[in-house]
Amino acid sequence: MEPETSSTLNMASVRGEPSSLGPGVGLATPGASGGADGVLSPQARTFAALNDKGLDRGRREFWLLFISSLYGGAYIAFGALMYARTVWEYNALVAALIFPAGLAFVITTGSDLLTSNMLYGLLPLVSGDARRSHSQKLQNLGRLLGISLLGNMIASVFVAMLAVTFEVVAAEDVIRLAVNKTSMTGATVFVKAVGANWLVNLAVYQASLVDNMGTKIILLWLPIAAFVSMKLEHSVANLTFLPAGYFAGAPLTISQILLSNLLPCLLGNFVGACVFAAQWHLKVRRPHVHKV
């Protein structure tokens, strides 16, 4: 396919669609992002596709987004519970290799997950995509994150309650996890959360590079296993670990859970998605949006 001009290419035109970025906005194709003929690399096309996916992701009907987020929260909860069952009984490496099943469930079903929605919602903002105004993109981001957080939280807490009530996990295991996670300083949680969502969204990006479902799962497995083995902090997983410990009798209050872990974790996850997953990769791996 020939580029629209010698130096610019529209995200939609990469996929053979009519230009929809709006007047005056194109994509430069510097060396790292495309070939000498101006054709975008697979990595660049993937970021363009993720950008398009995030453009209106928060504008879906409330109940569709909410129910999809309930599923996303439940799937991550299943991965978290598998981790809780194995991390003390076997070892941390086995647990790290099992935990990514949760994200595999999310990706293969197309469910909504707060931490990956951070990437989807941020990409149109940092790319300067002209198909929506700045205020529309902010509204899309806020609605997307708010509803996905609500759905993920309700499902995660509900699954955690059932798991403790019906002894899916041992009480002492989830109590130990919850106490460990609330014993760190807020700064430690924040930094670990930045790293966690950098790797989570690397997993989302890598899975988006290919169409084959088996290859997708392999590509997303590696970054998730890495973040779990390093004991980084993921807010949606912690929405299962911490309530499970609380329901099992951990000596924690709700304010401790929020202030010692969940709030700095949410903030760190957002920074990881914004700075390292969206902003940095967009500049290095994807053509730069600019005025033409």
C-alpha atoms as a PDB file:
ATOM      1  CA  MET A   1       0.000   0.000   0.000  1.00  0.00           C
ATOM      2  CA  GLU A   2       1.327   3.406  -0.946  1.00  0.00           C
ATOM      3  CA  PRO A   3       1.583   6.130   1.707  1.00  0.00           C
ATOM      4  CA  GLU A   4      -0.766   9.112   1.365  1.00  0.00           C
ATOM      5  CA  THR A   5       2.206  11.426   1.023  1.00  0.00           C
ATOM      6  CA  SER A   6       5.945  10.913   1.116  1.00  0.00           C
ATOM      7  CA  SER A   7       6.112  11.517   4.870  1.00  0.00           C
ATOM      8  CA  THR A   8       2.701  11.018   6.469  1.00  0.00           C
ATOM      9  CA  LEU A   9       0.291   8.168   6.979  1.00  0.00           C
ATOM     10  CA  ASN A  10      -3.092   8.071   8.652  1.00  0.00           C
ATOM     11  CA  MET A  11      -3.843   5.406  11.267  1.00  0.00           C
ATOM     12  CA  ALA A  12      -7.034   4.408   9.469  1.00  0.00           C
ATOM     13  CA  SER A  13      -5.308   4.325   6.083  1.00  0.00           C
ATOM     14  CA  VAL A  14      -2.829   1.759   7.408  1.00  0.00           C
ATOM     15  CA  ARG A  15      -5.727  -0.657   7.599  1.00  0.00           C
ATOM     16  CA  GLY A  16      -7.133   0.323   4.192  1.00  0.00           C
ATOM     17  CA  GLU A  17      -9.908   2.503   5.672  1.00  0.00           C
ATOM     18  CA  PRO A  18     -10.818   6.082   4.776  1.00  0.00           C
ATOM     19  CA  SER A  19      -8.994   8.789   6.681  1.00  0.00           C
ATOM     20  CA  SER A  20     -10.809   9.622   9.930  1.00  0.00           C
ATOM     21  CA  LEU A  21      -8.254  11.440  12.036  1.00  0.00           C
ATOM     22  CA  GLY A  22      -9.561  14.764  10.870  1.00  0.00           C
ATOM     23  CA  PRO A  23      -8.007  17.579   8.897  1.00  0.00           C
ATOM     24  CA  GLY A  24      -4.478  18.641   9.635  1.00  0.00           C
ATOM     25  CA  VAL A  25      -3.413  15.549  11.571  1.00  0.00           C
ATOM     26  CA  GLY A  26      -1.189  12.816  10.219  1.00  0.00           C
ATOM     27  CA  LEU A  27       1.424  10.362  11.376  1.00  0.00           C
ATOM     28  CA  ALA A  28       5.116  10.865  10.740  1.00  0.00           C
ATOM     29  CA  THR A  29       7.037   7.701   9.993  1.00  0.00           C
ATOM     30  CA  PRO A  30      10.511   7.981  11.538  1.00  0.00           C
ATOM     31  CA  GLY A  31      12.937   5.130  11.122  1.00  0.00           C
ATOM     32  CA  ALA A  32      12.141   3.083  14.236  1.00  0.00           C
ATOM     33  CA  SER A  33       8.416   3.104  13.527  1.00  0.00           C
ATOM     34  CA  GLY A  34       8.305   2.210   9.855  1.00  0.00           C
ATOM     35  CA  GLY A  35      10.334   1.041   6.935  1.00  0.00           C
ATOM     36  CA  ALA A  36      12.194   3.151   4.431  1.00  0.00           C
ATOM     37  CA  ASP A  37       9.111   3.166   2.174  1.00  0.00           C
ATOM     38  CA  GLY A  38       6.986   4.743   4.913  1.00  0.00           C
ATOM     39  CA  VAL A  39       4.951   1.591   5.622  1.00  0.00           C
ATOM     40  CA  LEU A  40       4.272   1.118   9.318  1.00  0.00           C
ATOM     41  CA  SER A  41       5.844  -1.765  11.205  1.00  0.00           C
ATOM     42  CA  PRO A  42       3.643  -4.414  12.899  1.00  0.00           C
ATOM     43  CA  GLN A  43       4.418  -2.756  16.239  1.00  0.00           C
ATOM     44  CA  ALA A  44       3.271   0.629  14.935  1.00  0.00           C
ATOM     45  CA  ARG A  45       0.094  -0.821  13.441  1.00  0.00           C
ATOM     46  CA  THR A  46      -0.667  -2.515  16.744  1.00  0.00           C
ATOM     47  CA  PHE A  47      -0.471   0.779  18.625  1.00  0.00           C
ATOM     48  CA  ALA A  48      -2.705   2.378  15.998  1.00  0.00           C
ATOM     49  CA  ALA A  49      -5.238  -0.432  16.510  1.00  0.00           C
ATOM     50  CA  LEU A  50      -5.083  -0.073  20.311  1.00  0.00           C
ATOM     51  CA  ASN A  51      -5.595   3.672  19.917  1.00  0.00           C
ATOM     52  CA  ASP A  52      -8.677   3.062  17.782  1.00  0.00           C
ATOM     53  CA  LYS A  53      -9.994   0.507  20.267  1.00  0.00           C
ATOM     54  CA  GLY A  54      -9.685   3.019  23.092  1.00  0.00           C
ATOM     55  CA  LEU A  55     -11.219   5.936  21.205  1.00  0.00           C
ATOM     56  CA  ASP A  56     -14.825   5.139  22.146  1.00  0.00           C
ATOM     57  CA  ARG A  57     -14.302   2.298  24.613  1.00  0.00           C
ATOM     58  CA  GLY A  58     -15.866   4.306  27.428  1.00  0.00           C
ATOM     59  CA  ARG A  59     -18.890   5.396  25.379  1.00  0.00           C
ATOM     60  CA  ARG A  60     -20.584   2.013  25.342  1.00  0.00           C
ATOM     61  CA  GLU A  61     -23.943   1.586  27.032  1.00  0.00           C
ATOM     62  CA  PHE A  62     -23.505   1.559  30.817  1.00  0.00           C
ATOM     63  CA  TRP A  63     -24.778  -1.968  31.369  1.00  0.00           C
ATOM     64  CA  LEU A  64     -22.648  -3.460  28.598  1.00  0.00           C
ATOM     65  CA  LEU A  65     -19.480  -1.924  30.030  1.00  0.00           C
ATOM     66  CA  PHE A  66     -20.470  -2.716  33.607  1.00  0.00           C
ATOM     67  CA  ILE A  67     -21.281  -6.382  32.956  1.00  0.00           C
ATOM     68  CA  SER A  68     -18.092  -6.792  30.912  1.00  0.00           C
ATOM     69  CA  SER A  69     -16.208  -5.315  33.880  1.00  0.00           C
ATOM     70  CA  LEU A  70     -17.889  -7.763  36.260  1.00  0.00           C
ATOM     71  CA  TYR A  71     -16.545 -10.592  34.142  1.00  0.00           C
ATOM     72  CA  GLY A  72     -13.094  -8.997  33.987  1.00  0.00           C
ATOM     73  CA  GLY A  73     -12.955  -8.646  37.771  1.00  0.00           C
ATOM     74  CA  ALA A  74     -14.100 -12.244  38.281  1.00  0.00           C
ATOM     75  CA  TYR A  75     -11.487 -13.617  35.883  1.00  0.00           C
ATOM     76  CA  ILE A  76      -8.649 -11.769  37.617  1.00  0.00           C
ATOM     77  CA  ALA A  77     -10.060 -12.987  40.949  1.00  0.00           C
ATOM     78  CA  PHE A  78      -9.827 -16.581  39.716  1.00  0.00           C
ATOM     79  CA  GLY A  79      -6.162 -16.039  38.852  1.00  0.00           C
ATOM     80  CA  ALA A  80      -5.559 -14.412  42.236  1.00  0.00           C
ATOM     81  CA  LEU A  81      -7.169 -17.301  44.094  1.00  0.00           C
ATOM     82  CA  MET A  82      -5.059 -19.830  42.176  1.00  0.00           C
ATOM     83  CA  TYR A  83      -2.017 -17.805  43.221  1.00  0.00           C
ATOM     84  CA  ALA A  84      -3.152 -17.771  46.870  1.00  0.00           C
ATOM     85  CA  ARG A  85      -3.620 -21.547  46.860  1.00  0.00           C
ATOM     86  CA  THR A  86      -0.151 -22.263  45.462  1.00  0.00           C
ATOM     87  CA  VAL A  87       2.221 -19.553  46.694  1.00  0.00           C
ATOM     88  CA  TRP A  88       2.580 -20.986  50.200  1.00  0.00           C
ATOM     89  CA  GLU A  89       1.823 -24.647  49.453  1.00  0.00           C
ATOM     90  CA  TYR A  90       4.296 -24.944  46.559  1.00  0.00           C
ATOM     91  CA  ASN A  91       6.533 -21.986  45.752  1.00  0.00           C
ATOM     92  CA  ALA A  92       6.436 -18.472  44.336  1.00  0.00           C
ATOM     93  CA  LEU A  93       7.594 -19.550  40.866  1.00  0.00           C
ATOM     94  CA  VAL A  94       4.734 -22.035  40.453  1.00  0.00           C
ATOM     95  CA  ALA A  95       2.275 -19.387  41.663  1.00  0.00           C
ATOM     96  CA  ALA A  96       3.707 -16.820  39.224  1.00  0.00           C
ATOM     97  CA  LEU A  97       3.225 -19.241  36.324  1.00  0.00           C
ATOM     98  CA  ILE A  98      -0.398 -19.903  37.309  1.00  0.00           C
ATOM     99  CA  PHE A  99      -1.577 -16.341  37.970  1.00  0.00           C
ATOM    100  CA  PRO A 100      -1.536 -15.169  34.287  1.00  0.00           C
ATOM    101  CA  ALA A 101      -4.523 -17.428  33.586  1.00  0.00           C
ATOM    102  CA  GLY A 102      -6.685 -14.573  34.868  1.00  0.00           C
ATOM    103  CA  LEU A 103      -5.523 -12.131  32.192  1.00  0.00           C
ATOM    104  CA  ALA A 104      -5.744 -14.880  29.572  1.00  0.00           C
ATOM    105  CA  PHE A 105      -9.432 -15.242  30.465  1.00  0.00           C
ATOM    106  CA  VAL A 106      -9.879 -11.465  30.141  1.00  0.00           C
ATOM    107  CA  ILE A 107      -8.134 -11.194  26.763  1.00  0.00           C
ATOM    108  CA  THR A 108      -9.760 -14.212  25.148  1.00  0.00           C
ATOM    109  CA  THR A 109     -13.288 -13.170  26.221  1.00  0.00           C
ATOM    110  CA  GLY A 110     -12.825  -9.460  25.498  1.00  0.00           C
ATOM    111  CA  SER A 111     -13.822  -8.521  29.054  1.00  0.00           C
ATOM    112  CA  ASP A 112     -13.024  -5.157  30.617  1.00  0.00           C
ATOM    113  CA  LEU A 113     -10.168  -4.762  33.090  1.00  0.00           C
ATOM    114  CA  LEU A 114      -9.426  -1.465  34.822  1.00  0.00           C
ATOM    115  CA  THR A 115      -5.658  -1.632  34.399  1.00  0.00           C
ATOM    116  CA  SER A 116      -5.689  -2.373  30.657  1.00  0.00           C
ATOM    117  CA  ASN A 117      -8.492   0.166  30.159  1.00  0.00           C
ATOM    118  CA  MET A 118      -6.056   2.736  31.525  1.00  0.00           C
ATOM    119  CA  LEU A 119      -3.946   2.132  28.406  1.00  0.00           C
ATOM    120  CA  TYR A 120      -6.903   2.068  26.017  1.00  0.00           C
ATOM    121  CA  GLY A 121      -8.354   5.300  27.371  1.00  0.00           C
ATOM    122  CA  LEU A 122      -5.038   7.149  27.529  1.00  0.00           C
ATOM    123  CA  LEU A 123      -3.756   6.358  24.031  1.00  0.00           C
ATOM    124  CA  PRO A 124      -6.140   8.705  22.147  1.00  0.00           C
ATOM    125  CA  LEU A 125      -5.145  11.489  24.542  1.00  0.00           C
ATOM    126  CA  VAL A 126      -1.398  11.101  24.228  1.00  0.00           C
ATOM    127  CA  SER A 127      -1.568  10.437  20.480  1.00  0.00           C
ATOM    128  CA  GLY A 128      -3.424  13.682  19.814  1.00  0.00           C
ATOM    129  CA  ASP A 129      -6.049  11.810  17.769  1.00  0.00           C
ATOM    130  CA  ALA A 130      -8.219  14.524  16.190  1.00  0.00           C
ATOM    131  CA  ARG A 131     -11.309  12.387  15.673  1.00  0.00           C
ATOM    132  CA  ARG A 132     -12.487  13.414  19.146  1.00  0.00           C
ATOM    133  CA  SER A 133     -12.032  16.653  21.042  1.00  0.00           C
ATOM    134  CA  HIS A 134      -9.806  16.764  24.124  1.00  0.00           C
ATOM    135  CA  SER A 135     -12.859  17.030  26.387  1.00  0.00           C
ATOM    136  CA  GLN A 136     -14.520  14.047  24.675  1.00  0.00           C
ATOM    137  CA  LYS A 137     -11.398  11.945  25.197  1.00  0.00           C
ATOM    138  CA  LEU A 138     -11.199  12.948  28.865  1.00  0.00           C
ATOM    139  CA  GLN A 139     -14.873  12.085  29.308  1.00  0.00           C
ATOM    140  CA  ASN A 140     -14.298   8.738  27.596  1.00  0.00           C
ATOM    141  CA  LEU A 141     -11.327   8.014  29.885  1.00  0.00           C
ATOM    142  CA  GLY A 142     -13.155   8.991  33.078  1.00  0.00           C
ATOM    143  CA  ARG A 143     -16.272   6.995  32.263  1.00  0.00           C
ATOM    144  CA  LEU A 144     -14.246   3.981  31.135  1.00  0.00           C
ATOM    145  CA  LEU A 145     -12.125   3.887  34.287  1.00  0.00           C
ATOM    146  CA  GLY A 146     -15.004   4.653  36.654  1.00  0.00           C
ATOM    147  CA  ILE A 147     -17.318   1.932  35.384  1.00  0.00           C
ATOM    148  CA  SER A 148     -14.591  -0.666  34.959  1.00  0.00           C
ATOM    149  CA  LEU A 149     -13.341   0.020  38.500  1.00  0.00           C
ATOM    150  CA  LEU A 150     -16.877  -0.392  39.859  1.00  0.00           C
ATOM    151  CA  GLY A 151     -17.510  -3.646  38.017  1.00  0.00           C
ATOM    152  CA  ASN A 152     -14.070  -5.117  38.733  1.00  0.00           C
ATOM    153  CA  MET A 153     -14.373  -4.225  42.430  1.00  0.00           C
ATOM    154  CA  ILE A 154     -17.852  -5.698  42.935  1.00  0.00           C
ATOM    155  CA  ALA A 155     -16.931  -8.955  41.193  1.00  0.00           C
ATOM    156  CA  SER A 156     -13.556  -9.280  42.945  1.00  0.00           C
ATOM    157  CA  VAL A 157     -14.987  -8.705  46.424  1.00  0.00           C
ATOM    158  CA  PHE A 158     -17.881 -11.080  45.749  1.00  0.00           C
ATOM    159  CA  VAL A 159     -15.589 -13.855  44.510  1.00  0.00           C
ATOM    160  CA  ALA A 160     -13.268 -13.278  47.498  1.00  0.00           C
ATOM    161  CA  MET A 161     -16.203 -13.599  49.904  1.00  0.00           C
ATOM    162  CA  LEU A 162     -17.371 -16.837  48.285  1.00  0.00           C
ATOM    163  CA  ALA A 163     -13.839 -18.251  48.250  1.00  0.00           C
ATOM    164  CA  VAL A 164     -13.395 -17.687  51.990  1.00  0.00           C
ATOM    165  CA  THR A 165     -16.929 -18.759  52.930  1.00  0.00           C
ATOM    166  CA  PHE A 166     -16.706 -22.042  51.034  1.00  0.00           C
ATOM    167  CA  GLU A 167     -13.033 -22.694  51.822  1.00  0.00           C
ATOM    168  CA  VAL A 168     -11.753 -22.443  48.269  1.00  0.00           C
ATOM    169  CA  VAL A 169      -8.612 -20.947  49.826  1.00  0.00           C
ATOM    170  CA  ALA A 170      -7.149 -21.502  53.278  1.00  0.00           C
ATOM    171  CA  ALA A 171      -7.878 -18.649  55.670  1.00  0.00           C
ATOM    172  CA  GLU A 172      -4.290 -18.482  56.891  1.00  0.00           C
ATOM    173  CA  ASP A 173      -2.999 -18.120  53.320  1.00  0.00           C
ATOM    174  CA  VAL A 174      -5.103 -15.091  52.398  1.00  0.00           C
ATOM    175  CA  ILE A 175      -4.583 -13.531  55.839  1.00  0.00           C
ATOM    176  CA  ARG A 176      -0.827 -13.753  55.360  1.00  0.00           C
ATOM    177  CA  LEU A 177      -1.075 -12.207  51.889  1.00  0.00           C
ATOM    178  CA  ALA A 178      -3.312  -9.370  53.091  1.00  0.00           C
ATOM    179  CA  VAL A 179      -1.081  -8.537  56.058  1.00  0.00           C
ATOM    180  CA  ASN A 180       2.041  -8.541  53.862  1.00  0.00           C
ATOM    181  CA  LYS A 181       0.428  -6.238  51.307  1.00  0.00           C
ATOM    182  CA  THR A 182      -0.711  -3.711  53.912  1.00  0.00           C
ATOM    183  CA  SER A 183       2.623  -3.709  55.765  1.00  0.00           C
ATOM    184  CA  MET A 184       4.517  -1.893  52.998  1.00  0.00           C
ATOM    185  CA  THR A 185       4.891   1.883  52.868  1.00  0.00           C
ATOM    186  CA  GLY A 186       2.697   3.797  50.437  1.00  0.00           C
ATOM    187  CA  ALA A 187       5.764   4.723  48.382  1.00  0.00           C
ATOM    188  CA  THR A 188       6.762   1.075  48.053  1.00  0.00           C
ATOM    189  CA  VAL A 189       3.272   0.093  46.941  1.00  0.00           C
ATOM    190  CA  PHE A 190       3.219   2.963  44.436  1.00  0.00           C
ATOM    191  CA  VAL A 191       6.537   2.034  42.805  1.00  0.00           C
ATOM    192  CA  LYS A 192       5.600  -1.657  42.659  1.00  0.00           C
ATOM    193  CA  ALA A 193       2.248  -0.713  41.127  1.00  0.00           C
ATOM    194  CA  VAL A 194       3.936   1.366  38.415  1.00  0.00           C
ATOM    195  CA  GLY A 195       6.008  -1.657  37.411  1.00  0.00           C
ATOM    196  CA  ALA A 196       3.032  -4.004  37.562  1.00  0.00           C
ATOM    197  CA  ASN A 197       0.877  -2.072  35.124  1.00  0.00           C
ATOM    198  CA  TRP A 198       3.799  -1.386  32.819  1.00  0.00           C
ATOM    199  CA  LEU A 199       4.112  -5.172  32.460  1.00  0.00           C
ATOM    200  CA  VAL A 200       0.347  -5.803  32.341  1.00  0.00           C
ATOM    201  CA  ASN A 201      -0.009  -3.438  29.408  1.00  0.00           C
ATOM    202  CA  LEU A 202       3.101  -4.872  27.779  1.00  0.00           C
ATOM    203  CA  ALA A 203       1.212  -8.179  27.939  1.00  0.00           C
ATOM    204  CA  VAL A 204      -1.865  -6.571  26.342  1.00  0.00           C
ATOM    205  CA  TYR A 205       0.300  -5.020  23.619  1.00  0.00           C
ATOM    206  CA  GLN A 206       2.180  -8.259  22.878  1.00  0.00           C
ATOM    207  CA  ALA A 207      -1.060 -10.252  22.722  1.00  0.00           C
ATOM    208  CA  SER A 208      -2.431  -7.683  20.242  1.00  0.00           C
ATOM    209  CA  LEU A 209       0.479  -8.236  17.848  1.00  0.00           C
ATOM    210  CA  VAL A 210      -0.865 -11.596  16.679  1.00  0.00           C
ATOM    211  CA  ASP A 211      -4.198 -13.154  15.705  1.00  0.00           C
ATOM    212  CA  ASN A 212      -3.539 -16.753  16.705  1.00  0.00           C
ATOM    213  CA  MET A 213      -5.138 -17.333  20.102  1.00  0.00           C
ATOM    214  CA  GLY A 214      -2.503 -19.769  21.349  1.00  0.00           C
ATOM    215  CA  THR A 215       0.300 -17.353  20.495  1.00  0.00           C
ATOM    216  CA  LYS A 216      -1.613 -14.522  22.171  1.00  0.00           C
ATOM    217  CA  ILE A 217      -1.760 -16.464  25.428  1.00  0.00           C
ATOM    218  CA  ILE A 218       1.953 -17.304  25.328  1.00  0.00           C
ATOM    219  CA  LEU A 219       2.899 -13.669  24.656  1.00  0.00           C
ATOM    220  CA  LEU A 220       0.753 -12.299  27.485  1.00  0.00           C
ATOM    221  CA  TRP A 221       1.892 -15.018  29.906  1.00  0.00           C
ATOM    222  CA  LEU A 222       5.521 -13.906  30.054  1.00  0.00           C
ATOM    223  CA  PRO A 223       5.122 -10.276  31.303  1.00  0.00           C
ATOM    224  CA  ILE A 224       2.442 -11.296  33.825  1.00  0.00           C
ATOM    225  CA  ALA A 225       4.575 -14.109  35.222  1.00  0.00           C
ATOM    226  CA  ALA A 226       7.438 -11.609  35.471  1.00  0.00           C
ATOM    227  CA  PHE A 227       5.462  -9.044  37.474  1.00  0.00           C
ATOM    228  CA  VAL A 228       4.032 -11.692  39.800  1.00  0.00           C
ATOM    229  CA  SER A 229       7.433 -13.285  40.431  1.00  0.00           C
ATOM    230  CA  MET A 230       8.775  -9.826  41.395  1.00  0.00           C
ATOM    231  CA  LYS A 231       5.813  -9.359  43.786  1.00  0.00           C
ATOM    232  CA  LEU A 232       4.641  -6.162  42.114  1.00  0.00           C
ATOM    233  CA  GLU A 233       1.259  -4.679  42.972  1.00  0.00           C
ATOM    234  CA  HIS A 234      -1.865  -4.954  40.794  1.00  0.00           C
ATOM    235  CA  SER A 235      -4.935  -3.103  42.028  1.00  0.00           C
ATOM    236  CA  VAL A 236      -7.592  -5.467  40.651  1.00  0.00           C
ATOM    237  CA  ALA A 237      -5.807  -8.564  41.976  1.00  0.00           C
ATOM    238  CA  ASN A 238      -5.523  -6.807  45.334  1.00  0.00           C
ATOM    239  CA  LEU A 239      -9.297  -6.270  45.267  1.00  0.00           C
ATOM    240  CA  THR A 240      -9.414 -10.047  45.724  1.00  0.00           C
ATOM    241  CA  PHE A 241      -6.413 -10.622  48.011  1.00  0.00           C
ATOM    242  CA  LEU A 242      -7.260  -7.904  50.547  1.00  0.00           C
ATOM    243  CA  PRO A 243     -11.019  -8.534  50.933  1.00  0.00           C
ATOM    244  CA  ALA A 244     -10.314 -12.279  51.136  1.00  0.00           C
ATOM    245  CA  GLY A 245      -7.899 -11.653  54.004  1.00  0.00           C
ATOM    246  CA  TYR A 246     -10.409  -9.296  55.653  1.00  0.00           C
ATOM    247  CA  PHE A 247     -13.240 -11.861  55.407  1.00  0.00           C
ATOM    248  CA  ALA A 248     -10.912 -14.573  56.728  1.00  0.00           C
ATOM    249  CA  GLY A 249     -10.212 -12.543  59.880  1.00  0.00           C
ATOM    250  CA  ALA A 250      -7.036 -10.580  59.150  1.00  0.00           C
ATOM    251  CA  PRO A 251      -6.413  -7.835  61.764  1.00  0.00           C
ATOM    252  CA  LEU A 252      -7.142  -5.077  59.243  1.00  0.00           C
ATOM    253  CA  THR A 253      -9.644  -2.271  58.916  1.00  0.00           C
ATOM    254  CA  ILE A 254     -11.170  -1.080  55.665  1.00  0.00           C
ATOM    255  CA  SER A 255      -9.322   2.237  56.029  1.00  0.00           C
ATOM    256  CA  GLN A 256      -6.012   0.341  56.366  1.00  0.00           C
ATOM    257  CA  ILE A 257      -6.771  -1.631  53.231  1.00  0.00           C
ATOM    258  CA  LEU A 258      -7.578   1.533  51.291  1.00  0.00           C
ATOM    259  CA  LEU A 259      -4.803   3.809  52.566  1.00  0.00           C
ATOM    260  CA  SER A 260      -1.993   1.278  52.941  1.00  0.00           C
ATOM    261  CA  ASN A 261      -2.496  -0.454  49.617  1.00  0.00           C
ATOM    262  CA  LEU A 262      -5.417   0.145  47.272  1.00  0.00           C
ATOM    263  CA  LEU A 263      -5.148   3.919  46.803  1.00  0.00           C
ATOM    264  CA  PRO A 264      -1.363   4.076  46.185  1.00  0.00           C
ATOM    265  CA  CYS A 265      -1.712   0.944  44.062  1.00  0.00           C
ATOM    266  CA  LEU A 266      -4.399   2.499  41.850  1.00  0.00           C
ATOM    267  CA  LEU A 267      -2.313   5.643  41.437  1.00  0.00           C
ATOM    268  CA  GLY A 268       0.822   3.662  40.600  1.00  0.00           C
ATOM    269  CA  ASN A 269      -1.041   1.484  38.098  1.00  0.00           C
ATOM    270  CA  PHE A 270      -2.323   4.629  36.363  1.00  0.00           C
ATOM    271  CA  VAL A 271       1.167   6.150  36.175  1.00  0.00           C
ATOM    272  CA  GLY A 272       2.562   2.872  34.827  1.00  0.00           C
ATOM    273  CA  ALA A 273      -0.069   2.840  32.073  1.00  0.00           C
ATOM    274  CA  CYS A 274       0.329   6.539  31.267  1.00  0.00           C
ATOM    275  CA  VAL A 275       4.093   7.019  31.317  1.00  0.00           C
ATOM    276  CA  PHE A 276       5.597   3.652  30.442  1.00  0.00           C
ATOM    277  CA  ALA A 277       2.863   1.899  28.445  1.00  0.00           C
ATOM    278  CA  ALA A 278       1.180   4.739  26.537  1.00  0.00           C
ATOM    279  CA  GLN A 279       3.444   7.789  26.405  1.00  0.00           C
ATOM    280  CA  TRP A 280       6.851   6.159  26.038  1.00  0.00           C
ATOM    281  CA  HIS A 281       5.893   3.404  23.617  1.00  0.00           C
ATOM    282  CA  LEU A 282       3.822   5.811  21.565  1.00  0.00           C
ATOM    283  CA  LYS A 283       6.855   8.050  21.063  1.00  0.00           C
ATOM    284  CA  VAL A 284       9.312   5.251  20.325  1.00  0.00           C
ATOM    285  CA  ARG A 285       7.332   2.552  18.537  1.00  0.00           C
ATOM    286  CA  ARG A 286       4.471   4.376  16.831  1.00  0.00           C
ATOM    287  CA  PRO A 287       4.524   7.208  14.311  1.00  0.00           C
ATOM    288  CA  HIS A 288       4.210  10.629  15.882  1.00  0.00           C
ATOM    289  CA  VAL A 289       0.968  12.515  15.449  1.00  0.00           C
ATOM    290  CA  HIS A 290       1.660  15.942  14.006  1.00  0.00           C
ATOM    291  CA  LYS A 291       0.164  18.802  11.990  1.00  0.00           C
ATOM    292  CA  VAL A 292       0.471  18.448   8.243  1.00  0.00           C
END
